[in-house]
Amino acid sequence: FIQAGEELAEAVVAAARRLNMQERELYVSYQGSVFEACELVRTRFTEVLKLTLSSVTVTPPQFEPVVGALLIACESIGWKLSQTSLEALATKSVA
């Protein structure tokens, strides 16, 4: 599980380097059953990111992935959702 956390973090680091973002302030989240079920993966993922990237903040997901897609779509067409709408989305489950 520790190796899995390291490898997932290395993928994030590689993407940050490829995009020349390793020196910028980065906000990283995670998603999926492995992260949810295994604290060792989450912990090692966070440790490696903090050791490798100068200014990274790792946070648990605020929304389900489909809500993230909705937010990106809204942003792309210039819609800004209200705080009330965001709070409502955070409390809904898409099961």
N, C-alpha and C. Protein backbone atom coordinates (compact mmCIF):
# COMPACT_ATOMS: atom_id res chain seq x y z
N PHE A 1 0.82 -1.20 0.00
CA PHE A 1 0.00 0.00 0.00
C PHE A 1 0.86 1.26 0.00
N ILE A 2 1.99 1.17 0.70
CA ILE A 2 2.91 2.31 0.72
C ILE A 2 3.44 2.57 -0.68
N GLN A 3 3.81 1.50 -1.38
CA GLN A 3 4.31 1.65 -2.75
C GLN A 3 3.24 2.24 -3.65
N ALA A 4 2.00 1.84 -3.47
CA ALA A 4 0.90 2.39 -4.28
C ALA A 4 0.78 3.89 -4.06
N GLY A 5 0.85 4.32 -2.81
CA GLY A 5 0.79 5.75 -2.51
C GLY A 5 1.93 6.51 -3.16
N GLU A 6 3.13 5.92 -3.12
CA GLU A 6 4.30 6.54 -3.74
C GLU A 6 4.13 6.66 -5.25
N GLU A 7 3.68 5.59 -5.87
CA GLU A 7 3.54 5.60 -7.34
C GLU A 7 2.45 6.58 -7.80
N LEU A 8 1.37 6.65 -7.06
CA LEU A 8 0.32 7.61 -7.41
C LEU A 8 0.83 9.05 -7.26
N ALA A 9 1.58 9.30 -6.20
CA ALA A 9 2.16 10.63 -6.00
C ALA A 9 3.16 10.96 -7.10
N GLU A 10 3.96 9.98 -7.50
CA GLU A 10 4.93 10.20 -8.57
C GLU A 10 4.24 10.57 -9.88
N ALA A 11 3.06 10.04 -10.11
CA ALA A 11 2.30 10.41 -11.32
C ALA A 11 1.87 11.87 -11.25
N VAL A 12 1.47 12.33 -10.08
CA VAL A 12 1.09 13.74 -9.91
C VAL A 12 2.32 14.63 -10.10
N VAL A 13 3.44 14.23 -9.53
CA VAL A 13 4.67 15.01 -9.67
C VAL A 13 5.09 15.08 -11.13
N ALA A 14 5.00 13.96 -11.84
CA ALA A 14 5.36 13.95 -13.26
C ALA A 14 4.46 14.89 -14.06
N ALA A 15 3.18 14.89 -13.76
CA ALA A 15 2.26 15.80 -14.46
C ALA A 15 2.59 17.25 -14.14
N ALA A 16 2.89 17.54 -12.88
CA ALA A 16 3.24 18.92 -12.49
C ALA A 16 4.51 19.37 -13.21
N ARG A 17 5.48 18.49 -13.29
CA ARG A 17 6.73 18.84 -13.99
C ARG A 17 6.49 19.04 -15.48
N ARG A 18 5.72 18.15 -16.05
CA ARG A 18 5.42 18.24 -17.49
C ARG A 18 4.72 19.56 -17.83
N LEU A 19 3.88 20.02 -16.92
CA LEU A 19 3.16 21.28 -17.12
C LEU A 19 3.93 22.48 -16.55
N ASN A 20 5.15 22.23 -16.08
CA ASN A 20 6.01 23.27 -15.51
C ASN A 20 5.32 23.98 -14.34
N MET A 21 4.69 23.17 -13.48
CA MET A 21 3.94 23.72 -12.36
C MET A 21 4.53 23.32 -11.00
N GLN A 22 5.69 22.68 -11.00
CA GLN A 22 6.23 22.15 -9.75
C GLN A 22 6.61 23.22 -8.74
N GLU A 23 6.82 24.46 -9.17
CA GLU A 23 7.17 25.54 -8.25
C GLU A 23 5.95 26.38 -7.86
N ARG A 24 4.80 26.10 -8.44
CA ARG A 24 3.59 26.88 -8.14
C ARG A 24 2.84 26.27 -6.97
N GLU A 25 1.97 27.08 -6.40
CA GLU A 25 1.09 26.57 -5.35
C GLU A 25 0.08 25.63 -6.00
N LEU A 26 0.05 24.39 -5.54
CA LEU A 26 -0.83 23.38 -6.12
C LEU A 26 -1.81 22.86 -5.09
N TYR A 27 -3.02 22.62 -5.55
CA TYR A 27 -4.05 21.99 -4.73
C TYR A 27 -4.36 20.64 -5.37
N VAL A 28 -4.17 19.59 -4.61
CA VAL A 28 -4.35 18.23 -5.13
C VAL A 28 -5.39 17.52 -4.27
N SER A 29 -6.24 16.79 -4.94
CA SER A 29 -7.20 15.94 -4.25
C SER A 29 -7.07 14.54 -4.82
N TYR A 30 -7.87 13.65 -4.35
CA TYR A 30 -7.81 12.26 -4.79
C TYR A 30 -9.23 11.72 -4.86
N GLN A 31 -9.38 10.62 -5.54
CA GLN A 31 -10.71 10.02 -5.69
C GLN A 31 -10.55 8.52 -5.86
N GLY A 32 -11.50 7.78 -5.40
CA GLY A 32 -11.53 6.35 -5.65
C GLY A 32 -11.51 5.50 -4.40
N SER A 33 -11.88 4.25 -4.61
CA SER A 33 -12.05 3.34 -3.48
C SER A 33 -10.74 3.01 -2.77
N VAL A 34 -9.63 2.99 -3.48
CA VAL A 34 -8.35 2.69 -2.83
C VAL A 34 -8.00 3.80 -1.84
N PHE A 35 -8.15 5.04 -2.26
CA PHE A 35 -7.87 6.16 -1.35
C PHE A 35 -8.85 6.16 -0.18
N GLU A 36 -10.11 5.89 -0.46
CA GLU A 36 -11.12 5.91 0.60
C GLU A 36 -10.89 4.79 1.61
N ALA A 37 -10.49 3.62 1.15
CA ALA A 37 -10.38 2.46 2.02
C ALA A 37 -9.06 2.33 2.75
N CYS A 38 -8.01 2.95 2.23
CA CYS A 38 -6.68 2.67 2.77
C CYS A 38 -5.96 3.95 3.21
N GLU A 39 -5.88 4.13 4.51
CA GLU A 39 -5.20 5.30 5.05
C GLU A 39 -3.71 5.30 4.70
N LEU A 40 -3.09 4.11 4.61
CA LEU A 40 -1.67 4.03 4.25
C LEU A 40 -1.41 4.64 2.87
N VAL A 41 -2.29 4.39 1.93
CA VAL A 41 -2.13 4.95 0.58
C VAL A 41 -2.25 6.47 0.65
N ARG A 42 -3.27 6.96 1.33
CA ARG A 42 -3.48 8.42 1.44
C ARG A 42 -2.29 9.09 2.13
N THR A 43 -1.83 8.48 3.21
CA THR A 43 -0.73 9.08 3.97
C THR A 43 0.55 9.14 3.15
N ARG A 44 0.91 8.04 2.51
CA ARG A 44 2.16 8.03 1.74
C ARG A 44 2.04 8.93 0.52
N PHE A 45 0.88 8.96 -0.12
CA PHE A 45 0.62 9.85 -1.25
C PHE A 45 0.90 11.30 -0.83
N THR A 46 0.35 11.69 0.29
CA THR A 46 0.52 13.05 0.79
C THR A 46 1.97 13.33 1.16
N GLU A 47 2.62 12.39 1.84
CA GLU A 47 4.02 12.57 2.25
C GLU A 47 4.92 12.79 1.04
N VAL A 48 4.78 11.95 0.04
CA VAL A 48 5.65 12.06 -1.15
C VAL A 48 5.41 13.38 -1.87
N LEU A 49 4.16 13.78 -1.99
CA LEU A 49 3.87 15.06 -2.65
C LEU A 49 4.50 16.21 -1.89
N LYS A 50 4.37 16.21 -0.57
CA LYS A 50 4.92 17.31 0.23
C LYS A 50 6.44 17.32 0.23
N LEU A 51 7.06 16.16 0.09
CA LEU A 51 8.51 16.09 0.02
C LEU A 51 9.04 16.54 -1.34
N THR A 52 8.24 16.36 -2.38
CA THR A 52 8.71 16.56 -3.75
C THR A 52 8.31 17.91 -4.33
N LEU A 53 7.12 18.37 -4.04
CA LEU A 53 6.63 19.64 -4.60
C LEU A 53 6.74 20.73 -3.54
N SER A 54 7.20 21.90 -3.97
CA SER A 54 7.50 22.95 -3.01
C SER A 54 6.29 23.49 -2.25
N SER A 55 5.16 23.60 -2.91
CA SER A 55 4.00 24.18 -2.25
C SER A 55 2.74 23.45 -2.68
N VAL A 56 2.45 22.36 -1.99
CA VAL A 56 1.29 21.54 -2.36
C VAL A 56 0.37 21.40 -1.15
N THR A 57 -0.91 21.45 -1.42
CA THR A 57 -1.93 21.20 -0.41
C THR A 57 -2.75 20.01 -0.89
N VAL A 58 -2.83 18.98 -0.07
CA VAL A 58 -3.60 17.79 -0.43
C VAL A 58 -4.87 17.78 0.44
N THR A 59 -6.02 17.69 -0.22
CA THR A 59 -7.28 17.71 0.50
C THR A 59 -8.19 16.57 0.02
N PRO A 60 -9.04 16.08 0.90
CA PRO A 60 -10.01 15.08 0.45
C PRO A 60 -10.99 15.71 -0.53
N PRO A 61 -11.62 14.91 -1.36
CA PRO A 61 -12.54 15.47 -2.35
C PRO A 61 -13.75 16.12 -1.68
N GLN A 62 -14.18 17.24 -2.25
CA GLN A 62 -15.38 17.92 -1.76
C GLN A 62 -16.64 17.36 -2.41
N PHE A 63 -16.48 16.85 -3.62
CA PHE A 63 -17.63 16.40 -4.41
C PHE A 63 -17.31 15.05 -5.05
N GLU A 64 -18.35 14.41 -5.54
CA GLU A 64 -18.16 13.21 -6.36
C GLU A 64 -17.62 13.64 -7.73
N PRO A 65 -16.94 12.74 -8.45
CA PRO A 65 -16.34 13.10 -9.73
C PRO A 65 -17.31 13.74 -10.72
N VAL A 66 -18.53 13.29 -10.77
CA VAL A 66 -19.49 13.84 -11.73
C VAL A 66 -19.77 15.31 -11.44
N VAL A 67 -19.73 15.70 -10.17
CA VAL A 67 -19.94 17.10 -9.82
C VAL A 67 -18.75 17.94 -10.30
N GLY A 68 -17.55 17.37 -10.20
CA GLY A 68 -16.38 18.07 -10.73
C GLY A 68 -16.52 18.33 -12.22
N ALA A 69 -17.02 17.35 -12.94
CA ALA A 69 -17.25 17.53 -14.38
C ALA A 69 -18.27 18.63 -14.62
N LEU A 70 -19.32 18.67 -13.82
CA LEU A 70 -20.32 19.72 -13.93
C LEU A 70 -19.70 21.09 -13.68
N LEU A 71 -18.88 21.20 -12.67
CA LEU A 71 -18.25 22.49 -12.35
C LEU A 71 -17.33 22.96 -13.47
N ILE A 72 -16.58 22.04 -14.05
CA ILE A 72 -15.71 22.40 -15.18
C ILE A 72 -16.55 22.86 -16.36
N ALA A 73 -17.64 22.16 -16.63
CA ALA A 73 -18.53 22.55 -17.74
C ALA A 73 -19.12 23.93 -17.50
N CYS A 74 -19.59 24.17 -16.28
CA CYS A 74 -20.16 25.49 -15.97
C CYS A 74 -19.12 26.59 -16.14
N GLU A 75 -17.92 26.34 -15.65
CA GLU A 75 -16.85 27.33 -15.78
C GLU A 75 -16.53 27.61 -17.24
N SER A 76 -16.55 26.58 -18.06
CA SER A 76 -16.18 26.74 -19.47
C SER A 76 -17.18 27.60 -20.24
N ILE A 77 -18.43 27.68 -19.75
CA ILE A 77 -19.42 28.52 -20.44
C ILE A 77 -19.72 29.80 -19.65
N GLY A 78 -18.91 30.06 -18.64
CA GLY A 78 -19.04 31.31 -17.91
C GLY A 78 -20.07 31.33 -16.80
N TRP A 79 -20.59 30.19 -16.42
CA TRP A 79 -21.55 30.14 -15.32
C TRP A 79 -20.80 30.04 -14.01
N LYS A 80 -21.19 30.84 -13.05
CA LYS A 80 -20.61 30.75 -11.71
C LYS A 80 -21.71 30.30 -10.76
N LEU A 81 -21.50 29.16 -10.12
CA LEU A 81 -22.49 28.64 -9.19
C LEU A 81 -22.39 29.36 -7.85
N SER A 82 -23.52 29.60 -7.24
CA SER A 82 -23.56 30.27 -5.94
C SER A 82 -23.05 29.33 -4.85
N GLN A 83 -22.69 29.91 -3.72
CA GLN A 83 -22.26 29.11 -2.58
C GLN A 83 -23.37 28.16 -2.14
N THR A 84 -24.61 28.62 -2.22
CA THR A 84 -25.75 27.77 -1.86
C THR A 84 -25.83 26.56 -2.78
N SER A 85 -25.62 26.78 -4.08
CA SER A 85 -25.65 25.67 -5.04
C SER A 85 -24.53 24.69 -4.77
N LEU A 86 -23.34 25.20 -4.48
CA LEU A 86 -22.20 24.33 -4.19
C LEU A 86 -22.45 23.50 -2.92
N GLU A 87 -23.02 24.13 -1.92
CA GLU A 87 -23.33 23.41 -0.69
C GLU A 87 -24.38 22.32 -0.94
N ALA A 88 -25.37 22.63 -1.78
CA ALA A 88 -26.38 21.63 -2.11
C ALA A 88 -25.76 20.46 -2.86
N LEU A 89 -24.85 20.75 -3.79
CA LEU A 89 -24.18 19.69 -4.54
C LEU A 89 -23.33 18.81 -3.62
N ALA A 90 -22.72 19.43 -2.62
CA ALA A 90 -21.86 18.68 -1.70
C ALA A 90 -22.65 17.70 -0.84
N THR A 91 -23.92 17.98 -0.62
CA THR A 91 -24.71 17.11 0.26
C THR A 91 -25.49 16.05 -0.50
N LYS A 92 -25.51 16.12 -1.81
CA LYS A 92 -26.25 15.15 -2.62
C LYS A 92 -25.34 13.99 -2.99
N SER A 93 -25.91 12.81 -3.04
CA SER A 93 -25.20 11.63 -3.50
C SER A 93 -25.71 11.26 -4.88
N VAL A 94 -24.80 10.80 -5.74
CA VAL A 94 -25.17 10.48 -7.12
C VAL A 94 -25.35 8.98 -7.29
N ALA A 95 -25.56 8.25 -6.27
CA ALA A 95 -25.66 6.79 -6.35
C ALA A 95 -26.64 6.30 -7.33
